[in-house]
C-alpha cells in the first residue's frame, strides 16, 4: 500500500503542478501585457507545463503497471478511456501554443520582434480551451473513483 500511496501522491502532485503552470500561461498570455520578458516567461512556463504533462503521463502509467488495481482493471473501465481521450486531446491542443511560443521566442532573439495581437489572441484561445478540458478530466475521475 505504501507504493500505491506514493504513486497516487506523485500523480496528484503532477496534476496540481500542471494546472498551476497552465493557469499561469493563460494569465500571462495577453496582448496588452506582451513584452520581451513575457515572451521569455511564457516559453519557460510552457516548457515546465510540457515536462509536467509528461510526468503526469508517466505517473499514470506507473499506477497502471505497479498500482494495486492493475492494468486489466483500468482498461476495463469506460471512464478511464474517457479520461485518456481528454488528456490526449489537451496534449495535442498544447502543441499549437507551444510551437507559436517557440516561434515568438526565436523572433524575439533574432530581431527583437514581438508577436502580433492577433497571434497572442489565437494562442490564448488554445490555452483557455485546454484550461477548460483539464477540470472535466477531474470531474470524470471523481465519478470514476465512485464506481460510476
N, C-alpha and C. Protein backbone atom coordinates (compact mmCIF):
# COMPACT_ATOMS: atom_id res chain seq x y z
N UNK A 1 0.81 -1.21 0.00
CA UNK A 1 0.00 0.00 0.00
C UNK A 1 0.85 1.26 0.00
N UNK A 2 2.06 1.18 0.51
CA UNK A 2 2.93 2.35 0.51
C UNK A 2 3.25 2.77 -0.92
N UNK A 3 3.52 1.82 -1.80
CA UNK A 3 3.79 2.14 -3.20
C UNK A 3 2.57 2.77 -3.84
N UNK A 4 1.40 2.23 -3.57
CA UNK A 4 0.16 2.78 -4.14
C UNK A 4 -0.03 4.23 -3.68
N UNK A 5 0.19 4.50 -2.40
CA UNK A 5 0.05 5.86 -1.87
C UNK A 5 1.09 6.79 -2.50
N UNK A 6 2.31 6.30 -2.67
CA UNK A 6 3.36 7.11 -3.29
C UNK A 6 3.01 7.44 -4.74
N UNK A 7 2.58 6.44 -5.49
CA UNK A 7 2.22 6.66 -6.89
C UNK A 7 1.04 7.62 -7.01
N UNK A 8 0.03 7.43 -6.17
CA UNK A 8 -1.14 8.31 -6.20
C UNK A 8 -0.73 9.74 -5.84
N UNK A 9 0.14 9.89 -4.85
CA UNK A 9 0.60 11.22 -4.44
C UNK A 9 1.38 11.91 -5.55
N UNK A 10 2.27 11.17 -6.19
CA UNK A 10 3.05 11.75 -7.29
C UNK A 10 2.14 12.15 -8.46
N UNK A 11 1.15 11.32 -8.73
CA UNK A 11 0.20 11.61 -9.81
C UNK A 11 -0.60 12.87 -9.49
N UNK A 12 -1.08 12.97 -8.26
CA UNK A 12 -1.84 14.15 -7.84
C UNK A 12 -0.96 15.40 -7.87
N UNK A 13 0.27 15.28 -7.41
CA UNK A 13 1.20 16.41 -7.45
C UNK A 13 1.43 16.87 -8.89
N UNK A 14 1.55 15.93 -9.81
CA UNK A 14 1.72 16.28 -11.22
C UNK A 14 0.48 16.99 -11.76
N UNK A 15 -0.70 16.53 -11.37
CA UNK A 15 -1.94 17.17 -11.82
C UNK A 15 -2.00 18.62 -11.33
N UNK A 16 -1.72 18.81 -10.06
CA UNK A 16 -1.78 20.16 -9.49
C UNK A 16 -0.73 21.08 -10.12
N UNK A 17 0.45 20.55 -10.35
CA UNK A 17 1.51 21.33 -10.99
C UNK A 17 1.11 21.71 -12.41
N UNK A 18 0.53 20.76 -13.13
CA UNK A 18 0.06 21.03 -14.49
C UNK A 18 -0.94 22.17 -14.50
N UNK A 19 -1.89 22.13 -13.58
CA UNK A 19 -2.92 23.18 -13.51
C UNK A 19 -2.29 24.53 -13.19
N UNK A 20 -1.33 24.56 -12.28
CA UNK A 20 -0.67 25.82 -11.92
C UNK A 20 0.02 26.44 -13.13
N UNK A 21 0.78 25.64 -13.87
CA UNK A 21 1.53 26.22 -14.98
C UNK A 21 0.65 26.54 -16.18
N UNK A 22 -0.38 25.77 -16.41
CA UNK A 22 -1.31 26.11 -17.49
C UNK A 22 -2.07 27.39 -17.14
N UNK A 23 -2.48 27.52 -15.89
CA UNK A 23 -3.16 28.74 -15.44
C UNK A 23 -2.24 29.95 -15.55
N UNK A 24 -0.98 29.76 -15.22
CA UNK A 24 -0.01 30.86 -15.34
C UNK A 24 0.15 31.29 -16.79
N UNK A 25 0.20 30.32 -17.69
CA UNK A 25 0.27 30.65 -19.12
C UNK A 25 -0.97 31.43 -19.55
N UNK A 26 -2.13 30.95 -19.13
CA UNK A 26 -3.38 31.61 -19.52
C UNK A 26 -3.42 33.04 -19.00
N UNK A 27 -2.97 33.24 -17.77
CA UNK A 27 -3.00 34.57 -17.19
C UNK A 27 -2.01 35.52 -17.87
N UNK A 28 -0.87 35.00 -18.28
CA UNK A 28 0.18 35.83 -18.84
C UNK A 28 0.04 36.10 -20.34
N UNK A 29 -0.63 35.22 -21.04
CA UNK A 29 -0.72 35.33 -22.49
C UNK A 29 -1.83 36.32 -22.87
N UNK A 30 -1.48 37.60 -22.81
CA UNK A 30 -2.40 38.69 -23.14
C UNK A 30 -1.63 39.72 -23.96
N UNK A 31 -2.25 40.17 -25.01
CA UNK A 31 -1.54 41.12 -25.90
C UNK A 31 -1.18 42.42 -25.18
N UNK A 32 -2.03 42.87 -24.27
CA UNK A 32 -1.75 44.13 -23.58
C UNK A 32 -0.55 44.04 -22.64
N UNK A 33 -0.15 42.81 -22.28
CA UNK A 33 1.00 42.65 -21.38
C UNK A 33 2.24 42.17 -22.12
N UNK A 34 2.14 41.97 -23.42
CA UNK A 34 3.22 41.33 -24.16
C UNK A 34 4.44 42.23 -24.27
N UNK A 35 5.56 41.71 -23.82
CA UNK A 35 6.86 42.35 -23.99
C UNK A 35 7.90 41.23 -24.01
N UNK A 36 9.15 41.59 -24.13
CA UNK A 36 10.21 40.58 -24.25
C UNK A 36 10.27 39.66 -23.03
N UNK A 37 10.11 40.22 -21.86
CA UNK A 37 10.16 39.41 -20.64
C UNK A 37 9.00 38.41 -20.59
N UNK A 38 7.84 38.83 -21.05
CA UNK A 38 6.67 37.95 -21.05
C UNK A 38 6.86 36.81 -22.04
N UNK A 39 7.40 37.09 -23.21
CA UNK A 39 7.65 36.03 -24.19
C UNK A 39 8.60 35.00 -23.58
N UNK A 40 9.68 35.46 -22.95
CA UNK A 40 10.63 34.53 -22.32
C UNK A 40 9.98 33.74 -21.19
N UNK A 41 9.17 34.41 -20.40
CA UNK A 41 8.49 33.74 -19.29
C UNK A 41 7.48 32.72 -19.81
N UNK A 42 6.75 33.06 -20.85
CA UNK A 42 5.80 32.12 -21.46
C UNK A 42 6.54 30.88 -21.97
N UNK A 43 7.70 31.08 -22.57
CA UNK A 43 8.48 29.94 -23.06
C UNK A 43 8.89 29.03 -21.91
N UNK A 44 9.31 29.62 -20.79
CA UNK A 44 9.67 28.80 -19.61
C UNK A 44 8.45 28.09 -19.04
N UNK A 45 7.36 28.82 -18.89
CA UNK A 45 6.13 28.22 -18.36
C UNK A 45 5.66 27.07 -19.24
N UNK A 46 5.71 27.28 -20.55
CA UNK A 46 5.25 26.24 -21.47
C UNK A 46 6.15 25.01 -21.40
N UNK A 47 7.46 25.23 -21.23
CA UNK A 47 8.38 24.10 -21.11
C UNK A 47 8.07 23.31 -19.83
N UNK A 48 7.85 24.01 -18.74
CA UNK A 48 7.52 23.34 -17.48
C UNK A 48 6.18 22.62 -17.59
N UNK A 49 5.21 23.25 -18.26
CA UNK A 49 3.91 22.62 -18.49
C UNK A 49 4.09 21.31 -19.27
N UNK A 50 4.90 21.34 -20.31
CA UNK A 50 5.14 20.13 -21.11
C UNK A 50 5.82 19.04 -20.31
N UNK A 51 6.81 19.41 -19.52
CA UNK A 51 7.50 18.43 -18.68
C UNK A 51 6.53 17.85 -17.66
N UNK A 52 5.70 18.70 -17.09
CA UNK A 52 4.72 18.24 -16.10
C UNK A 52 3.70 17.30 -16.74
N UNK A 53 3.27 17.59 -17.96
CA UNK A 53 2.34 16.69 -18.66
C UNK A 53 2.99 15.32 -18.86
N UNK A 54 4.27 15.32 -19.18
CA UNK A 54 4.99 14.05 -19.34
C UNK A 54 5.08 13.32 -18.01
N UNK A 55 5.38 14.03 -16.94
CA UNK A 55 5.44 13.41 -15.60
C UNK A 55 4.06 12.86 -15.23
N UNK A 56 3.02 13.60 -15.55
CA UNK A 56 1.65 13.14 -15.28
C UNK A 56 1.38 11.84 -16.02
N UNK A 57 1.74 11.79 -17.28
CA UNK A 57 1.56 10.58 -18.07
C UNK A 57 2.37 9.42 -17.49
N UNK A 58 3.61 9.68 -17.13
CA UNK A 58 4.47 8.61 -16.59
C UNK A 58 3.99 8.11 -15.23
N UNK A 59 3.51 9.01 -14.37
CA UNK A 59 2.99 8.56 -13.08
C UNK A 59 1.69 7.78 -13.28
N UNK A 60 0.91 8.17 -14.27
CA UNK A 60 -0.31 7.41 -14.60
C UNK A 60 0.04 6.01 -15.08
N UNK A 61 1.03 5.92 -15.95
CA UNK A 61 1.47 4.60 -16.43
C UNK A 61 2.02 3.76 -15.28
N UNK A 62 2.76 4.41 -14.38
CA UNK A 62 3.28 3.69 -13.21
C UNK A 62 2.14 3.13 -12.36
N UNK A 63 1.08 3.89 -12.22
CA UNK A 63 -0.08 3.39 -11.46
C UNK A 63 -0.73 2.21 -12.16
N UNK A 64 -0.75 2.25 -13.51
CA UNK A 64 -1.30 1.12 -14.27
C UNK A 64 -0.47 -0.14 -14.05
N UNK A 65 0.84 0.02 -14.10
CA UNK A 65 1.74 -1.13 -14.05
C UNK A 65 1.95 -1.64 -12.63
N UNK A 66 2.24 -0.73 -11.70
CA UNK A 66 2.61 -1.15 -10.34
C UNK A 66 1.52 -0.90 -9.30
N UNK A 67 0.42 -0.28 -9.70
CA UNK A 67 -0.64 0.01 -8.74
C UNK A 67 -1.40 -1.24 -8.33
N UNK A 68 -2.14 -1.11 -7.28
CA UNK A 68 -2.88 -2.23 -6.69
C UNK A 68 -3.92 -2.80 -7.65
N UNK A 69 -4.61 -1.93 -8.40
CA UNK A 69 -5.71 -2.40 -9.26
C UNK A 69 -5.22 -3.09 -10.52
N UNK A 70 -4.10 -2.66 -11.04
CA UNK A 70 -3.52 -3.32 -12.20
C UNK A 70 -4.12 -2.87 -13.53
N UNK A 71 -3.40 -3.17 -14.57
CA UNK A 71 -3.74 -2.76 -15.92
C UNK A 71 -5.10 -3.29 -16.37
N UNK A 72 -5.38 -4.54 -16.09
CA UNK A 72 -6.63 -5.16 -16.54
C UNK A 72 -7.85 -4.41 -16.01
N UNK A 73 -7.79 -4.01 -14.74
CA UNK A 73 -8.92 -3.29 -14.16
C UNK A 73 -9.08 -1.93 -14.84
N UNK A 74 -7.98 -1.21 -15.01
CA UNK A 74 -8.08 0.13 -15.61
C UNK A 74 -8.65 0.08 -17.01
N UNK A 75 -8.14 -0.80 -17.85
CA UNK A 75 -8.59 -0.81 -19.25
C UNK A 75 -10.02 -1.34 -19.40
N UNK A 76 -10.56 -1.93 -18.35
CA UNK A 76 -11.95 -2.39 -18.42
C UNK A 76 -12.94 -1.30 -18.02
N UNK A 77 -12.44 -0.13 -17.64
CA UNK A 77 -13.29 0.96 -17.16
C UNK A 77 -13.54 1.99 -18.27
N UNK A 78 -14.79 2.21 -18.66
CA UNK A 78 -15.09 3.19 -19.72
C UNK A 78 -14.64 4.61 -19.37
N UNK A 79 -14.77 5.01 -18.11
CA UNK A 79 -14.37 6.36 -17.75
C UNK A 79 -12.85 6.54 -17.81
N UNK A 80 -12.11 5.47 -17.64
CA UNK A 80 -10.65 5.53 -17.83
C UNK A 80 -10.35 5.94 -19.28
N UNK A 81 -11.06 5.34 -20.21
CA UNK A 81 -10.84 5.65 -21.62
C UNK A 81 -11.24 7.09 -21.92
N UNK A 82 -12.30 7.58 -21.30
CA UNK A 82 -12.70 8.97 -21.48
C UNK A 82 -11.64 9.91 -20.93
N UNK A 83 -11.11 9.59 -19.75
CA UNK A 83 -10.03 10.40 -19.18
C UNK A 83 -8.83 10.46 -20.11
N UNK A 84 -8.44 9.32 -20.63
CA UNK A 84 -7.28 9.27 -21.51
C UNK A 84 -7.53 10.05 -22.80
N UNK A 85 -8.73 9.92 -23.33
CA UNK A 85 -9.09 10.67 -24.53
C UNK A 85 -8.97 12.17 -24.28
N UNK A 86 -9.54 12.64 -23.18
CA UNK A 86 -9.49 14.06 -22.85
C UNK A 86 -8.05 14.52 -22.61
N UNK A 87 -7.25 13.69 -21.94
CA UNK A 87 -5.85 14.03 -21.70
C UNK A 87 -5.11 14.19 -23.02
N UNK A 88 -5.31 13.24 -23.94
CA UNK A 88 -4.61 13.31 -25.21
C UNK A 88 -5.12 14.44 -26.10
N UNK A 89 -6.39 14.77 -26.01
CA UNK A 89 -6.91 15.93 -26.73
C UNK A 89 -6.23 17.20 -26.22
N UNK A 90 -6.16 17.34 -24.89
CA UNK A 90 -5.49 18.51 -24.31
C UNK A 90 -4.01 18.53 -24.70
N UNK A 91 -3.38 17.38 -24.68
CA UNK A 91 -1.96 17.30 -25.04
C UNK A 91 -1.75 17.71 -26.50
N UNK A 92 -2.60 17.22 -27.38
CA UNK A 92 -2.48 17.59 -28.80
C UNK A 92 -2.75 19.08 -29.00
N UNK A 93 -3.72 19.60 -28.27
CA UNK A 93 -4.03 21.02 -28.37
C UNK A 93 -2.88 21.88 -27.88
N UNK A 94 -2.08 21.36 -26.97
CA UNK A 94 -0.98 22.15 -26.42
C UNK A 94 0.15 22.34 -27.43
N UNK A 95 0.16 21.54 -28.49
CA UNK A 95 1.23 21.66 -29.48
C UNK A 95 1.19 23.01 -30.20
N UNK A 96 0.01 23.46 -30.53
CA UNK A 96 -0.11 24.73 -31.27
C UNK A 96 0.44 25.91 -30.46
N UNK A 97 0.02 26.09 -29.19
CA UNK A 97 0.62 27.18 -28.40
C UNK A 97 2.13 27.00 -28.20
N UNK A 98 2.56 25.77 -27.99
CA UNK A 98 3.98 25.53 -27.78
C UNK A 98 4.79 25.96 -29.00
N UNK A 99 4.35 25.55 -30.18
CA UNK A 99 5.06 25.93 -31.40
C UNK A 99 5.03 27.43 -31.63
N UNK A 100 3.90 28.05 -31.35
CA UNK A 100 3.79 29.50 -31.53
C UNK A 100 4.71 30.24 -30.56
N UNK A 101 4.72 29.82 -29.32
CA UNK A 101 5.57 30.48 -28.32
C UNK A 101 7.05 30.30 -28.68
N UNK A 102 7.40 29.14 -29.18
CA UNK A 102 8.79 28.92 -29.63
C UNK A 102 9.13 29.84 -30.80
N UNK A 103 8.19 30.04 -31.73
CA UNK A 103 8.41 30.97 -32.84
C UNK A 103 8.58 32.40 -32.31
N UNK A 104 7.74 32.77 -31.34
CA UNK A 104 7.84 34.10 -30.75
C UNK A 104 9.21 34.31 -30.11
N UNK A 105 9.67 33.31 -29.38
CA UNK A 105 10.97 33.42 -28.72
C UNK A 105 12.10 33.51 -29.75
N UNK A 106 12.01 32.73 -30.80
CA UNK A 106 13.02 32.77 -31.87
C UNK A 106 13.04 34.15 -32.53
N UNK A 107 11.86 34.68 -32.85
CA UNK A 107 11.78 36.00 -33.48
C UNK A 107 12.30 37.08 -32.53
N UNK A 108 11.99 36.96 -31.26
CA UNK A 108 12.48 37.92 -30.27
C UNK A 108 14.00 37.87 -30.19
N UNK A 109 14.55 36.68 -30.14
CA UNK A 109 16.01 36.54 -30.05
C UNK A 109 16.71 36.94 -31.33
N UNK A 110 16.03 36.77 -32.47
CA UNK A 110 16.64 37.10 -33.76
C UNK A 110 16.63 38.59 -34.05
N UNK A 111 15.45 39.19 -33.96
CA UNK A 111 15.37 40.61 -34.34
C UNK A 111 14.57 41.46 -33.36
N UNK A 112 14.27 40.94 -32.20
CA UNK A 112 13.55 41.72 -31.19
C UNK A 112 12.07 41.87 -31.44
N UNK A 113 11.52 41.09 -32.38
CA UNK A 113 10.09 41.22 -32.73
C UNK A 113 9.21 40.56 -31.68
N UNK A 114 8.10 41.21 -31.41
CA UNK A 114 7.08 40.67 -30.52
C UNK A 114 5.93 40.13 -31.36
N UNK A 115 5.17 39.19 -30.82
CA UNK A 115 4.03 38.65 -31.58
C UNK A 115 2.93 39.71 -31.75
N UNK A 116 2.17 39.54 -32.81
CA UNK A 116 1.05 40.45 -33.05
C UNK A 116 -0.07 40.19 -32.05
N UNK A 117 -0.95 41.17 -31.92
CA UNK A 117 -2.11 41.00 -31.03
C UNK A 117 -2.94 39.79 -31.45
N UNK A 118 -3.13 39.63 -32.74
CA UNK A 118 -3.92 38.52 -33.26
C UNK A 118 -3.27 37.18 -32.93
N UNK A 119 -1.96 37.10 -33.07
CA UNK A 119 -1.25 35.85 -32.76
C UNK A 119 -1.39 35.51 -31.28
N UNK A 120 -1.27 36.50 -30.43
CA UNK A 120 -1.41 36.28 -28.99
C UNK A 120 -2.83 35.83 -28.66
N UNK A 121 -3.80 36.48 -29.28
CA UNK A 121 -5.21 36.13 -29.02
C UNK A 121 -5.48 34.68 -29.42
N UNK A 122 -4.98 34.27 -30.57
CA UNK A 122 -5.21 32.89 -31.03
C UNK A 122 -4.58 31.87 -30.09
N UNK A 123 -3.35 32.16 -29.65
CA UNK A 123 -2.69 31.23 -28.73
C UNK A 123 -3.43 31.18 -27.40
N UNK A 124 -3.88 32.32 -26.93
CA UNK A 124 -4.63 32.36 -25.66
C UNK A 124 -5.90 31.52 -25.74
N UNK A 125 -6.59 31.57 -26.88
CA UNK A 125 -7.80 30.75 -27.05
C UNK A 125 -7.46 29.27 -26.90
N UNK A 126 -6.39 28.82 -27.53
CA UNK A 126 -5.99 27.41 -27.43
C UNK A 126 -5.63 27.04 -25.99
N UNK A 127 -4.94 27.94 -25.30
CA UNK A 127 -4.57 27.69 -23.90
C UNK A 127 -5.84 27.62 -23.05
N UNK A 128 -6.78 28.52 -23.29
CA UNK A 128 -8.00 28.55 -22.49
C UNK A 128 -8.85 27.30 -22.71
N UNK A 129 -8.89 26.80 -23.93
CA UNK A 129 -9.64 25.56 -24.18
C UNK A 129 -9.01 24.41 -23.39
N UNK A 130 -7.69 24.32 -23.42
CA UNK A 130 -7.02 23.29 -22.61
C UNK A 130 -7.36 23.47 -21.13
N UNK A 131 -7.34 24.71 -20.68
CA UNK A 131 -7.62 25.01 -19.28
C UNK A 131 -9.05 24.63 -18.88
N UNK A 132 -9.93 24.52 -19.86
CA UNK A 132 -11.30 24.09 -19.57
C UNK A 132 -11.47 22.58 -19.71
N UNK A 133 -10.60 21.93 -20.44
CA UNK A 133 -10.67 20.47 -20.56
C UNK A 133 -10.15 19.79 -19.29
N UNK A 134 -9.09 20.33 -18.71
CA UNK A 134 -8.45 19.71 -17.54
C UNK A 134 -9.44 19.51 -16.38
N UNK A 135 -10.27 20.50 -16.02
CA UNK A 135 -11.23 20.26 -14.94
C UNK A 135 -12.26 19.17 -15.29
N UNK A 136 -12.59 19.04 -16.57
CA UNK A 136 -13.52 17.98 -16.97
C UNK A 136 -12.89 16.62 -16.68
N UNK A 137 -11.59 16.51 -16.90
CA UNK A 137 -10.89 15.26 -16.57
C UNK A 137 -11.01 14.97 -15.08
N UNK A 138 -10.88 16.00 -14.26
CA UNK A 138 -11.02 15.82 -12.81
C UNK A 138 -12.43 15.37 -12.43
N UNK A 139 -13.44 15.92 -13.09
CA UNK A 139 -14.82 15.51 -12.82
C UNK A 139 -15.03 14.05 -13.21
N UNK A 140 -14.51 13.66 -14.37
CA UNK A 140 -14.61 12.25 -14.80
C UNK A 140 -13.92 11.37 -13.77
N UNK A 141 -12.75 11.78 -13.28
CA UNK A 141 -12.02 10.99 -12.29
C UNK A 141 -12.83 10.84 -11.00
N UNK A 142 -13.52 11.91 -10.60
CA UNK A 142 -14.34 11.85 -9.38
C UNK A 142 -15.47 10.84 -9.53
N UNK A 143 -16.13 10.84 -10.67
CA UNK A 143 -17.20 9.87 -10.93
C UNK A 143 -16.66 8.46 -11.00
N UNK A 144 -15.53 8.33 -11.66
CA UNK A 144 -14.91 7.03 -11.82
C UNK A 144 -14.49 6.45 -10.47
N UNK A 145 -13.94 7.29 -9.60
CA UNK A 145 -13.50 6.84 -8.28
C UNK A 145 -14.67 6.35 -7.43
N UNK A 146 -15.87 6.79 -7.78
CA UNK A 146 -17.06 6.39 -7.02
C UNK A 146 -17.83 5.27 -7.72
N UNK A 147 -17.17 4.61 -8.66
CA UNK A 147 -17.74 3.43 -9.29
C UNK A 147 -18.77 3.69 -10.36
N UNK A 148 -18.78 4.85 -10.93
CA UNK A 148 -19.78 5.15 -11.95
C UNK A 148 -19.23 4.91 -13.33
